[in-house]
Amino acid sequence: MKEAALFSAIVSLCIALALCGCQTAKKGPSDQDLVAQVTQQCLDAAKTQDIDKLLSHYSDKFSHDQLGDKEGFRAFLKSAKDSGYLNGLEVDMSLAKTTIAGATASVTPVQLHGSFGNVTAGFHATKEDGVWRITGMDIDI
């Protein structure tokens, strides 16, 4: 009888430990999920022409060979918005693939359609202090 009680106690303890193991804290979202989230937030901001919100996802280290730094890109976007080039902006992500290697990611190709015509772009991001920020892009202007 003592053996059955002891066996029962051990089994109960093992079950309790197993259940506690299942109650560990959830891991946060994956980098893939985080990059997708930033991508969606950028798309939403671009469609509403909210330049400040869009650029909040861009790194202060952003650079582009034709646009310059983040402030140069801000000036370009403001000019495009003021000229009506962002009206009716459509973004097609149906062919886009996200590739993550360590602390860098790329999302390409992204199709942009608007009164300016059609453009294919690729975006590059870097994880800075745990936050994915856009640091560069491939686009012909």
N, C-alpha and C. Protein backbone atom coordinates (compact mmCIF):
# COMPACT_ATOMS: atom_id res chain seq x y z
N MET A 1 0.81 -1.19 0.00
CA MET A 1 0.00 0.00 0.00
C MET A 1 0.86 1.26 0.00
N LYS A 2 1.95 1.24 0.79
CA LYS A 2 2.85 2.39 0.82
C LYS A 2 3.50 2.58 -0.55
N GLU A 3 3.84 1.47 -1.22
CA GLU A 3 4.46 1.56 -2.54
C GLU A 3 3.50 2.19 -3.54
N ALA A 4 2.24 1.84 -3.48
CA ALA A 4 1.24 2.40 -4.40
C ALA A 4 1.07 3.89 -4.15
N ALA A 5 1.06 4.30 -2.88
CA ALA A 5 0.92 5.71 -2.53
C ALA A 5 2.15 6.49 -2.99
N LEU A 6 3.34 5.90 -2.78
CA LEU A 6 4.58 6.56 -3.20
C LEU A 6 4.62 6.67 -4.73
N PHE A 7 4.28 5.57 -5.41
CA PHE A 7 4.24 5.59 -6.88
C PHE A 7 3.27 6.65 -7.38
N SER A 8 2.11 6.72 -6.74
CA SER A 8 1.09 7.69 -7.12
C SER A 8 1.59 9.11 -6.92
N ALA A 9 2.31 9.35 -5.83
CA ALA A 9 2.85 10.68 -5.53
C ALA A 9 3.90 11.07 -6.56
N ILE A 10 4.76 10.11 -6.93
CA ILE A 10 5.82 10.39 -7.91
C ILE A 10 5.20 10.70 -9.27
N VAL A 11 4.23 9.89 -9.68
CA VAL A 11 3.55 10.14 -10.96
C VAL A 11 2.88 11.51 -10.95
N SER A 12 2.21 11.83 -9.85
CA SER A 12 1.55 13.14 -9.74
C SER A 12 2.56 14.27 -9.82
N LEU A 13 3.72 14.10 -9.17
CA LEU A 13 4.76 15.12 -9.20
C LEU A 13 5.29 15.29 -10.62
N CYS A 14 5.51 14.16 -11.32
CA CYS A 14 6.00 14.23 -12.71
C CYS A 14 4.99 14.95 -13.61
N ILE A 15 3.72 14.65 -13.42
CA ILE A 15 2.68 15.31 -14.22
C ILE A 15 2.65 16.80 -13.91
N ALA A 16 2.74 17.15 -12.64
CA ALA A 16 2.73 18.56 -12.24
C ALA A 16 3.93 19.29 -12.83
N LEU A 17 5.12 18.67 -12.80
CA LEU A 17 6.31 19.30 -13.38
C LEU A 17 6.17 19.45 -14.89
N ALA A 18 5.61 18.44 -15.53
CA ALA A 18 5.41 18.52 -16.98
C ALA A 18 4.46 19.65 -17.33
N LEU A 19 3.39 19.78 -16.55
CA LEU A 19 2.44 20.86 -16.81
C LEU A 19 3.06 22.22 -16.55
N CYS A 20 3.88 22.33 -15.52
CA CYS A 20 4.56 23.59 -15.25
C CYS A 20 5.51 23.93 -16.39
N GLY A 21 6.15 22.91 -16.94
CA GLY A 21 7.04 23.14 -18.07
C GLY A 21 6.29 23.69 -19.27
N CYS A 22 5.06 23.32 -19.43
CA CYS A 22 4.24 23.81 -20.55
C CYS A 22 3.77 25.23 -20.30
N GLN A 23 3.91 25.71 -19.10
CA GLN A 23 3.42 27.04 -18.74
C GLN A 23 4.53 28.09 -18.80
N THR A 24 5.67 27.76 -19.40
CA THR A 24 6.74 28.73 -19.49
C THR A 24 6.28 29.92 -20.34
N ALA A 25 6.97 31.01 -20.15
CA ALA A 25 6.59 32.23 -20.87
C ALA A 25 6.69 32.00 -22.38
N LYS A 26 5.75 32.58 -23.08
CA LYS A 26 5.75 32.47 -24.54
C LYS A 26 6.92 33.25 -25.11
N LYS A 27 7.48 32.73 -26.16
CA LYS A 27 8.51 33.47 -26.87
C LYS A 27 7.82 34.58 -27.64
N GLY A 28 8.53 35.65 -27.86
CA GLY A 28 7.95 36.76 -28.60
C GLY A 28 7.80 36.39 -30.07
N PRO A 29 7.30 37.32 -30.86
CA PRO A 29 7.13 37.06 -32.29
C PRO A 29 8.49 36.81 -32.95
N SER A 30 8.49 36.02 -34.00
CA SER A 30 9.72 35.72 -34.73
C SER A 30 10.15 36.96 -35.52
N ASP A 31 11.41 36.95 -35.95
CA ASP A 31 11.89 38.06 -36.79
C ASP A 31 11.08 38.15 -38.07
N GLN A 32 10.69 37.01 -38.61
CA GLN A 32 9.86 36.99 -39.82
C GLN A 32 8.55 37.75 -39.55
N ASP A 33 7.93 37.48 -38.40
CA ASP A 33 6.69 38.16 -38.03
C ASP A 33 6.93 39.66 -37.83
N LEU A 34 8.04 40.01 -37.19
CA LEU A 34 8.33 41.42 -36.92
C LEU A 34 8.59 42.20 -38.21
N VAL A 35 9.32 41.58 -39.14
CA VAL A 35 9.57 42.25 -40.42
C VAL A 35 8.26 42.41 -41.18
N ALA A 36 7.42 41.38 -41.15
CA ALA A 36 6.11 41.48 -41.82
C ALA A 36 5.27 42.59 -41.20
N GLN A 37 5.35 42.73 -39.90
CA GLN A 37 4.60 43.77 -39.20
C GLN A 37 5.08 45.17 -39.62
N VAL A 38 6.39 45.36 -39.66
CA VAL A 38 6.94 46.66 -40.09
C VAL A 38 6.56 46.93 -41.55
N THR A 39 6.65 45.89 -42.38
CA THR A 39 6.29 46.04 -43.79
C THR A 39 4.84 46.50 -43.92
N GLN A 40 3.93 45.89 -43.18
CA GLN A 40 2.52 46.26 -43.25
C GLN A 40 2.30 47.69 -42.75
N GLN A 41 2.99 48.05 -41.68
CA GLN A 41 2.85 49.41 -41.15
C GLN A 41 3.37 50.45 -42.16
N CYS A 42 4.44 50.11 -42.86
CA CYS A 42 4.96 51.01 -43.90
C CYS A 42 3.97 51.13 -45.05
N LEU A 43 3.38 50.01 -45.46
CA LEU A 43 2.39 50.03 -46.53
C LEU A 43 1.20 50.90 -46.14
N ASP A 44 0.72 50.73 -44.94
CA ASP A 44 -0.43 51.50 -44.47
C ASP A 44 -0.11 53.00 -44.46
N ALA A 45 1.08 53.35 -43.98
CA ALA A 45 1.47 54.76 -43.93
C ALA A 45 1.64 55.33 -45.33
N ALA A 46 2.20 54.55 -46.24
CA ALA A 46 2.39 55.02 -47.62
C ALA A 46 1.05 55.27 -48.29
N LYS A 47 0.11 54.36 -48.09
CA LYS A 47 -1.20 54.50 -48.73
C LYS A 47 -1.96 55.71 -48.22
N THR A 48 -1.74 56.08 -46.96
CA THR A 48 -2.42 57.26 -46.41
C THR A 48 -1.56 58.52 -46.55
N GLN A 49 -0.41 58.37 -47.19
CA GLN A 49 0.52 59.46 -47.42
C GLN A 49 1.00 60.12 -46.13
N ASP A 50 1.13 59.32 -45.08
CA ASP A 50 1.61 59.81 -43.78
C ASP A 50 3.13 59.63 -43.76
N ILE A 51 3.83 60.65 -44.23
CA ILE A 51 5.28 60.59 -44.38
C ILE A 51 5.98 60.40 -43.05
N ASP A 52 5.54 61.12 -42.01
CA ASP A 52 6.19 60.98 -40.70
C ASP A 52 6.04 59.56 -40.15
N LYS A 53 4.86 59.00 -40.29
CA LYS A 53 4.64 57.64 -39.81
C LYS A 53 5.47 56.65 -40.61
N LEU A 54 5.51 56.83 -41.91
CA LEU A 54 6.31 55.96 -42.76
C LEU A 54 7.78 56.01 -42.34
N LEU A 55 8.31 57.20 -42.21
CA LEU A 55 9.73 57.35 -41.89
C LEU A 55 10.06 56.99 -40.45
N SER A 56 9.06 56.80 -39.60
CA SER A 56 9.35 56.33 -38.24
C SER A 56 9.88 54.91 -38.26
N HIS A 57 9.70 54.21 -39.38
CA HIS A 57 10.21 52.85 -39.54
C HIS A 57 11.56 52.82 -40.25
N TYR A 58 12.07 53.99 -40.58
CA TYR A 58 13.36 54.10 -41.26
C TYR A 58 14.45 54.44 -40.25
N SER A 59 15.59 53.84 -40.42
CA SER A 59 16.74 54.08 -39.56
C SER A 59 17.33 55.46 -39.82
N ASP A 60 17.93 56.04 -38.79
CA ASP A 60 18.69 57.28 -38.99
C ASP A 60 19.92 57.00 -39.86
N LYS A 61 20.26 55.72 -40.01
CA LYS A 61 21.40 55.32 -40.84
C LYS A 61 20.98 55.04 -42.29
N PHE A 62 19.70 55.28 -42.62
CA PHE A 62 19.21 55.04 -43.97
C PHE A 62 20.05 55.81 -44.98
N SER A 63 20.32 55.15 -46.10
CA SER A 63 21.00 55.85 -47.19
C SER A 63 20.59 55.23 -48.52
N HIS A 64 20.57 56.08 -49.52
CA HIS A 64 20.25 55.68 -50.88
C HIS A 64 21.16 56.48 -51.79
N ASP A 65 21.67 55.84 -52.84
CA ASP A 65 22.65 56.52 -53.69
C ASP A 65 22.10 57.76 -54.39
N GLN A 66 20.78 57.82 -54.64
CA GLN A 66 20.21 58.99 -55.32
C GLN A 66 19.45 59.92 -54.37
N LEU A 67 18.90 59.37 -53.30
CA LEU A 67 18.09 60.18 -52.39
C LEU A 67 18.88 60.70 -51.20
N GLY A 68 20.01 60.11 -50.93
CA GLY A 68 20.80 60.53 -49.78
C GLY A 68 20.35 59.86 -48.51
N ASP A 69 20.28 60.63 -47.45
CA ASP A 69 19.93 60.08 -46.14
C ASP A 69 18.42 60.16 -45.89
N LYS A 70 18.03 59.88 -44.67
CA LYS A 70 16.61 59.85 -44.29
C LYS A 70 15.94 61.20 -44.55
N GLU A 71 16.63 62.27 -44.24
CA GLU A 71 16.04 63.60 -44.45
C GLU A 71 15.93 63.92 -45.93
N GLY A 72 16.86 63.45 -46.73
CA GLY A 72 16.76 63.62 -48.18
C GLY A 72 15.56 62.86 -48.73
N PHE A 73 15.33 61.67 -48.19
CA PHE A 73 14.17 60.88 -48.61
C PHE A 73 12.88 61.56 -48.17
N ARG A 74 12.89 62.16 -46.97
CA ARG A 74 11.72 62.90 -46.48
C ARG A 74 11.39 64.05 -47.45
N ALA A 75 12.40 64.79 -47.86
CA ALA A 75 12.19 65.91 -48.79
C ALA A 75 11.64 65.41 -50.12
N PHE A 76 12.17 64.28 -50.62
CA PHE A 76 11.68 63.69 -51.86
C PHE A 76 10.21 63.30 -51.73
N LEU A 77 9.86 62.62 -50.63
CA LEU A 77 8.47 62.19 -50.43
C LEU A 77 7.52 63.38 -50.30
N LYS A 78 7.96 64.42 -49.58
CA LYS A 78 7.11 65.61 -49.42
C LYS A 78 6.85 66.25 -50.78
N SER A 79 7.90 66.35 -51.59
CA SER A 79 7.75 66.93 -52.92
C SER A 79 6.81 66.08 -53.78
N ALA A 80 6.97 64.76 -53.71
CA ALA A 80 6.11 63.85 -54.47
C ALA A 80 4.66 63.98 -54.02
N LYS A 81 4.46 64.09 -52.72
CA LYS A 81 3.10 64.24 -52.19
C LYS A 81 2.49 65.57 -52.63
N ASP A 82 3.26 66.65 -52.50
CA ASP A 82 2.77 67.98 -52.89
C ASP A 82 2.44 68.05 -54.38
N SER A 83 3.13 67.27 -55.18
CA SER A 83 2.91 67.25 -56.63
C SER A 83 1.82 66.28 -57.05
N GLY A 84 1.27 65.53 -56.08
CA GLY A 84 0.19 64.60 -56.37
C GLY A 84 0.64 63.23 -56.85
N TYR A 85 1.95 62.98 -56.83
CA TYR A 85 2.46 61.70 -57.31
C TYR A 85 2.11 60.52 -56.40
N LEU A 86 1.74 60.79 -55.16
CA LEU A 86 1.39 59.69 -54.25
C LEU A 86 -0.12 59.40 -54.26
N ASN A 87 -0.89 60.22 -54.98
CA ASN A 87 -2.33 59.98 -55.06
C ASN A 87 -2.59 58.65 -55.76
N GLY A 88 -3.46 57.86 -55.18
CA GLY A 88 -3.82 56.58 -55.76
C GLY A 88 -2.70 55.55 -55.73
N LEU A 89 -1.74 55.74 -54.84
CA LEU A 89 -0.62 54.81 -54.74
C LEU A 89 -1.12 53.39 -54.46
N GLU A 90 -0.63 52.44 -55.22
CA GLU A 90 -0.93 51.04 -55.00
C GLU A 90 0.37 50.29 -54.80
N VAL A 91 0.37 49.38 -53.85
CA VAL A 91 1.55 48.57 -53.54
C VAL A 91 1.17 47.11 -53.69
N ASP A 92 1.92 46.41 -54.51
CA ASP A 92 1.66 44.99 -54.76
C ASP A 92 2.80 44.18 -54.15
N MET A 93 2.46 43.40 -53.13
CA MET A 93 3.44 42.56 -52.43
C MET A 93 3.29 41.09 -52.81
N SER A 94 2.48 40.79 -53.82
CA SER A 94 2.16 39.40 -54.13
C SER A 94 3.37 38.56 -54.52
N LEU A 95 4.40 39.18 -55.07
CA LEU A 95 5.61 38.44 -55.46
C LEU A 95 6.76 38.61 -54.46
N ALA A 96 6.55 39.46 -53.46
CA ALA A 96 7.62 39.78 -52.52
C ALA A 96 7.99 38.60 -51.64
N LYS A 97 9.27 38.46 -51.42
CA LYS A 97 9.82 37.44 -50.52
C LYS A 97 10.63 38.16 -49.46
N THR A 98 10.52 37.69 -48.24
CA THR A 98 11.31 38.23 -47.15
C THR A 98 12.43 37.26 -46.83
N THR A 99 13.65 37.77 -46.84
CA THR A 99 14.83 36.97 -46.53
C THR A 99 15.51 37.59 -45.32
N ILE A 100 15.75 36.78 -44.31
CA ILE A 100 16.40 37.26 -43.09
C ILE A 100 17.69 36.47 -42.88
N ALA A 101 18.77 37.20 -42.66
CA ALA A 101 20.06 36.59 -42.36
C ALA A 101 20.66 37.35 -41.18
N GLY A 102 20.54 36.77 -40.00
CA GLY A 102 21.04 37.44 -38.81
C GLY A 102 20.25 38.69 -38.50
N ALA A 103 20.95 39.82 -38.48
CA ALA A 103 20.31 41.09 -38.14
C ALA A 103 19.97 41.91 -39.37
N THR A 104 19.95 41.28 -40.55
CA THR A 104 19.57 42.00 -41.76
C THR A 104 18.43 41.27 -42.46
N ALA A 105 17.61 42.03 -43.15
CA ALA A 105 16.47 41.45 -43.87
C ALA A 105 16.28 42.21 -45.17
N SER A 106 15.68 41.52 -46.13
CA SER A 106 15.30 42.19 -47.38
C SER A 106 13.91 41.73 -47.77
N VAL A 107 13.16 42.64 -48.35
CA VAL A 107 11.82 42.36 -48.86
C VAL A 107 11.83 42.83 -50.31
N THR A 108 11.70 41.87 -51.21
CA THR A 108 11.79 42.19 -52.63
C THR A 108 11.15 41.10 -53.48
N PRO A 109 10.60 41.37 -54.61
CA PRO A 109 10.32 42.68 -55.20
C PRO A 109 8.98 43.24 -54.70
N VAL A 110 8.93 44.53 -54.55
CA VAL A 110 7.71 45.24 -54.19
C VAL A 110 7.34 46.10 -55.39
N GLN A 111 6.13 45.93 -55.88
CA GLN A 111 5.67 46.68 -57.05
C GLN A 111 4.90 47.91 -56.57
N LEU A 112 5.29 49.08 -57.04
CA LEU A 112 4.62 50.33 -56.71
C LEU A 112 3.99 50.88 -57.98
N HIS A 113 2.71 51.24 -57.89
CA HIS A 113 1.98 51.77 -59.03
C HIS A 113 1.33 53.10 -58.61
N GLY A 114 1.43 54.08 -59.46
CA GLY A 114 0.82 55.37 -59.17
C GLY A 114 0.86 56.26 -60.39
N SER A 115 0.56 57.53 -60.18
CA SER A 115 0.56 58.46 -61.30
C SER A 115 1.97 58.66 -61.86
N PHE A 116 2.98 58.24 -61.10
CA PHE A 116 4.37 58.32 -61.53
C PHE A 116 4.75 57.17 -62.46
N GLY A 117 3.87 56.17 -62.55
CA GLY A 117 4.15 54.99 -63.37
C GLY A 117 4.30 53.76 -62.49
N ASN A 118 5.07 52.80 -62.97
CA ASN A 118 5.30 51.55 -62.24
C ASN A 118 6.77 51.44 -61.85
N VAL A 119 7.00 51.07 -60.62
CA VAL A 119 8.36 50.95 -60.11
C VAL A 119 8.46 49.64 -59.33
N THR A 120 9.59 48.96 -59.48
CA THR A 120 9.89 47.78 -58.67
C THR A 120 10.96 48.18 -57.67
N ALA A 121 10.72 47.82 -56.42
CA ALA A 121 11.64 48.21 -55.36
C ALA A 121 12.00 47.01 -54.49
N GLY A 122 13.10 47.13 -53.81
CA GLY A 122 13.52 46.18 -52.80
C GLY A 122 13.91 46.96 -51.56
N PHE A 123 13.50 46.48 -50.41
CA PHE A 123 13.78 47.19 -49.17
C PHE A 123 14.69 46.35 -48.29
N HIS A 124 15.62 47.01 -47.61
CA HIS A 124 16.58 46.34 -46.75
C HIS A 124 16.45 46.90 -45.33
N ALA A 125 16.42 46.01 -44.36
CA ALA A 125 16.25 46.42 -42.97
C ALA A 125 17.35 45.82 -42.12
N THR A 126 17.59 46.48 -41.01
CA THR A 126 18.57 46.02 -40.03
C THR A 126 17.90 46.07 -38.66
N LYS A 127 18.20 45.08 -37.84
CA LYS A 127 17.66 45.06 -36.49
C LYS A 127 18.55 45.93 -35.62
N GLU A 128 17.98 47.04 -35.14
CA GLU A 128 18.71 48.00 -34.32
C GLU A 128 18.08 48.03 -32.93
N ASP A 129 18.83 47.63 -31.94
CA ASP A 129 18.32 47.59 -30.56
C ASP A 129 17.00 46.82 -30.47
N GLY A 130 16.92 45.71 -31.20
CA GLY A 130 15.73 44.85 -31.15
C GLY A 130 14.58 45.29 -32.03
N VAL A 131 14.76 46.37 -32.80
CA VAL A 131 13.69 46.89 -33.66
C VAL A 131 14.17 46.86 -35.11
N TRP A 132 13.34 46.32 -35.99
CA TRP A 132 13.67 46.29 -37.42
C TRP A 132 13.39 47.66 -38.03
N ARG A 133 14.41 48.24 -38.67
CA ARG A 133 14.28 49.54 -39.32
C ARG A 133 14.85 49.45 -40.74
N ILE A 134 14.23 50.17 -41.65
CA ILE A 134 14.67 50.18 -43.03
C ILE A 134 15.95 51.01 -43.13
N THR A 135 16.96 50.41 -43.71
CA THR A 135 18.26 51.08 -43.82
C THR A 135 18.65 51.37 -45.26
N GLY A 136 17.93 50.77 -46.21
CA GLY A 136 18.26 51.01 -47.60
C GLY A 136 17.18 50.46 -48.51
N MET A 137 17.28 50.81 -49.79
CA MET A 137 16.33 50.28 -50.77
C MET A 137 16.95 50.34 -52.15
N ASP A 138 16.47 49.46 -52.99
CA ASP A 138 16.87 49.43 -54.38
C ASP A 138 15.68 49.94 -55.19
N ILE A 139 15.87 51.07 -55.84
CA ILE A 139 14.79 51.65 -56.64
C ILE A 139 15.43 52.65 -57.60
N ASP A 140 14.96 52.66 -58.80
CA ASP A 140 15.46 53.65 -59.76
C ASP A 140 14.50 54.83 -59.79
N ILE A 141 15.05 56.00 -59.65
CA ILE A 141 14.22 57.22 -59.64
C ILE A 141 14.52 58.04 -60.87
